[in-house]
Amino acid sequence: MNQSNRIFDDLGRLMNEAAGMADGVRREVETVVRSQAQRLVADMDLVKREDFDALRELVQVQGEEIDALKKEIAALKTKGKKAE
């Protein structure tokens, strides 16, 4: 009985050590993959989301201003034709 308990204790200890090593390997792989992904993204020179959103908003406002100016020009042309 004592011998079987000892075997189970040794087996449990080995399994705990294996689980700890597997967890360490998993963390190391995650770190390597994360750093490689960050390097790849940095090399691609991508635009940050905040910059993209700010530029999109600026373009939208300018588009609205352009539409307003087009309407104003059309009104002036119409007014000029009526004056002739």
C-alpha atoms as a PDB file:
ATOM      1  CA  MET A   1       0.000   0.000   0.000  1.00  0.00           C
ATOM      2  CA  ASN A   2       2.785   2.371   0.949  1.00  0.00           C
ATOM      3  CA  GLN A   3       4.616   1.542  -2.270  1.00  0.00           C
ATOM      4  CA  SER A   4       1.560   2.373  -4.435  1.00  0.00           C
ATOM      5  CA  ASN A   5       1.058   5.693  -2.622  1.00  0.00           C
ATOM      6  CA  ARG A   6       4.666   6.538  -3.300  1.00  0.00           C
ATOM      7  CA  ILE A   7       4.246   5.697  -6.990  1.00  0.00           C
ATOM      8  CA  PHE A   8       1.151   7.910  -7.204  1.00  0.00           C
ATOM      9  CA  ASP A   9       2.971  10.718  -5.382  1.00  0.00           C
ATOM     10  CA  ASP A  10       5.893  10.473  -7.807  1.00  0.00           C
ATOM     11  CA  LEU A  11       3.525  10.335 -10.759  1.00  0.00           C
ATOM     12  CA  GLY A  12       1.609  13.372  -9.478  1.00  0.00           C
ATOM     13  CA  ARG A  13       4.841  15.295  -8.962  1.00  0.00           C
ATOM     14  CA  LEU A  14       6.002  14.450 -12.492  1.00  0.00           C
ATOM     15  CA  MET A  15       2.674  15.560 -13.934  1.00  0.00           C
ATOM     16  CA  ASN A  16       2.844  18.853 -12.015  1.00  0.00           C
ATOM     17  CA  GLU A  17       6.369  19.476 -13.274  1.00  0.00           C
ATOM     18  CA  ALA A  18       5.322  18.637 -16.835  1.00  0.00           C
ATOM     19  CA  ALA A  19       2.342  20.992 -16.572  1.00  0.00           C
ATOM     20  CA  GLY A  20       4.613  23.741 -15.250  1.00  0.00           C
ATOM     21  CA  MET A  21       7.070  23.218 -18.093  1.00  0.00           C
ATOM     22  CA  ALA A  22       4.250  23.208 -20.654  1.00  0.00           C
ATOM     23  CA  ASP A  23       2.911  26.462 -19.204  1.00  0.00           C
ATOM     24  CA  GLY A  24       6.382  28.014 -19.368  1.00  0.00           C
ATOM     25  CA  VAL A  25       6.799  26.910 -22.978  1.00  0.00           C
ATOM     26  CA  ARG A  26       3.362  28.291 -23.824  1.00  0.00           C
ATOM     27  CA  ARG A  27       4.228  31.678 -22.303  1.00  0.00           C
ATOM     28  CA  GLU A  28       7.551  31.740 -24.135  1.00  0.00           C
ATOM     29  CA  VAL A  29       5.877  30.954 -27.467  1.00  0.00           C
ATOM     30  CA  GLU A  30       3.240  33.640 -26.860  1.00  0.00           C
ATOM     31  CA  THR A  31       5.975  36.172 -26.102  1.00  0.00           C
ATOM     32  CA  VAL A  32       7.917  35.309 -29.253  1.00  0.00           C
ATOM     33  CA  VAL A  33       4.795  35.386 -31.453  1.00  0.00           C
ATOM     34  CA  ARG A  34       3.648  38.687 -29.933  1.00  0.00           C
ATOM     35  CA  SER A  35       7.036  40.340 -30.437  1.00  0.00           C
ATOM     36  CA  GLN A  36       7.260  39.079 -34.027  1.00  0.00           C
ATOM     37  CA  ALA A  37       3.738  40.356 -34.754  1.00  0.00           C
ATOM     38  CA  GLN A  38       4.575  43.753 -33.247  1.00  0.00           C
ATOM     39  CA  ARG A  39       7.764  43.936 -35.334  1.00  0.00           C
ATOM     40  CA  LEU A  40       5.842  42.993 -38.474  1.00  0.00           C
ATOM     41  CA  VAL A  41       3.191  45.653 -37.839  1.00  0.00           C
ATOM     42  CA  ALA A  42       5.877  48.257 -37.105  1.00  0.00           C
ATOM     43  CA  ASP A  43       7.680  47.367 -40.341  1.00  0.00           C
ATOM     44  CA  MET A  44       4.446  47.754 -42.300  1.00  0.00           C
ATOM     45  CA  ASP A  45       4.168  51.389 -41.150  1.00  0.00           C
ATOM     46  CA  LEU A  46       0.423  51.136 -40.545  1.00  0.00           C
ATOM     47  CA  VAL A  47      -1.751  54.072 -39.516  1.00  0.00           C
ATOM     48  CA  LYS A  48      -2.979  54.153 -35.924  1.00  0.00           C
ATOM     49  CA  ARG A  49      -6.734  53.869 -35.444  1.00  0.00           C
ATOM     50  CA  GLU A  50      -6.949  57.270 -33.713  1.00  0.00           C
ATOM     51  CA  ASP A  51      -5.189  58.968 -36.633  1.00  0.00           C
ATOM     52  CA  PHE A  52      -7.444  57.221 -39.133  1.00  0.00           C
ATOM     53  CA  ASP A  53     -10.604  58.254 -37.269  1.00  0.00           C
ATOM     54  CA  ALA A  54      -9.419  61.876 -36.988  1.00  0.00           C
ATOM     55  CA  LEU A  55      -8.619  62.037 -40.689  1.00  0.00           C
ATOM     56  CA  ARG A  56     -11.944  60.421 -41.626  1.00  0.00           C
ATOM     57  CA  GLU A  57     -13.807  63.029 -39.576  1.00  0.00           C
ATOM     58  CA  LEU A  58     -11.816  65.838 -41.209  1.00  0.00           C
ATOM     59  CA  VAL A  59     -12.560  64.494 -44.698  1.00  0.00           C
ATOM     60  CA  GLN A  60     -16.248  64.209 -43.845  1.00  0.00           C
ATOM     61  CA  VAL A  61     -16.389  67.843 -42.659  1.00  0.00           C
ATOM     62  CA  GLN A  62     -14.524  69.020 -45.755  1.00  0.00           C
ATOM     63  CA  GLY A  63     -16.911  67.025 -47.960  1.00  0.00           C
ATOM     64  CA  GLU A  64     -19.849  68.806 -46.363  1.00  0.00           C
ATOM     65  CA  GLU A  65     -18.127  72.165 -46.906  1.00  0.00           C
ATOM     66  CA  ILE A  66     -17.495  71.307 -50.561  1.00  0.00           C
ATOM     67  CA  ASP A  67     -21.153  70.379 -51.048  1.00  0.00           C
ATOM     68  CA  ALA A  68     -22.226  73.682 -49.478  1.00  0.00           C
ATOM     69  CA  LEU A  69     -19.835  75.614 -51.729  1.00  0.00           C
ATOM     70  CA  LYS A  70     -21.116  73.783 -54.823  1.00  0.00           C
ATOM     71  CA  LYS A  71     -24.677  74.750 -53.915  1.00  0.00           C
ATOM     72  CA  GLU A  72     -23.573  78.340 -53.364  1.00  0.00           C
ATOM     73  CA  ILE A  73     -21.810  78.454 -56.758  1.00  0.00           C
ATOM     74  CA  ALA A  74     -24.856  76.952 -58.467  1.00  0.00           C
ATOM     75  CA  ALA A  75     -27.078  79.574 -56.818  1.00  0.00           C
ATOM     76  CA  LEU A  76     -24.759  82.374 -57.938  1.00  0.00           C
ATOM     77  CA  LYS A  77     -24.716  81.013 -61.502  1.00  0.00           C
ATOM     78  CA  THR A  78     -28.502  80.838 -61.515  1.00  0.00           C
ATOM     79  CA  LYS A  79     -28.719  84.337 -60.101  1.00  0.00           C
ATOM     80  CA  GLY A  80     -26.241  85.589 -62.722  1.00  0.00           C
ATOM     81  CA  LYS A  81     -28.268  84.070 -65.576  1.00  0.00           C
ATOM     82  CA  LYS A  82     -31.436  85.682 -64.279  1.00  0.00           C
ATOM     83  CA  ALA A  83     -29.722  89.077 -64.154  1.00  0.00           C
ATOM     84  CA  GLU A  84     -28.778  88.856 -67.851  1.00  0.00           C
END
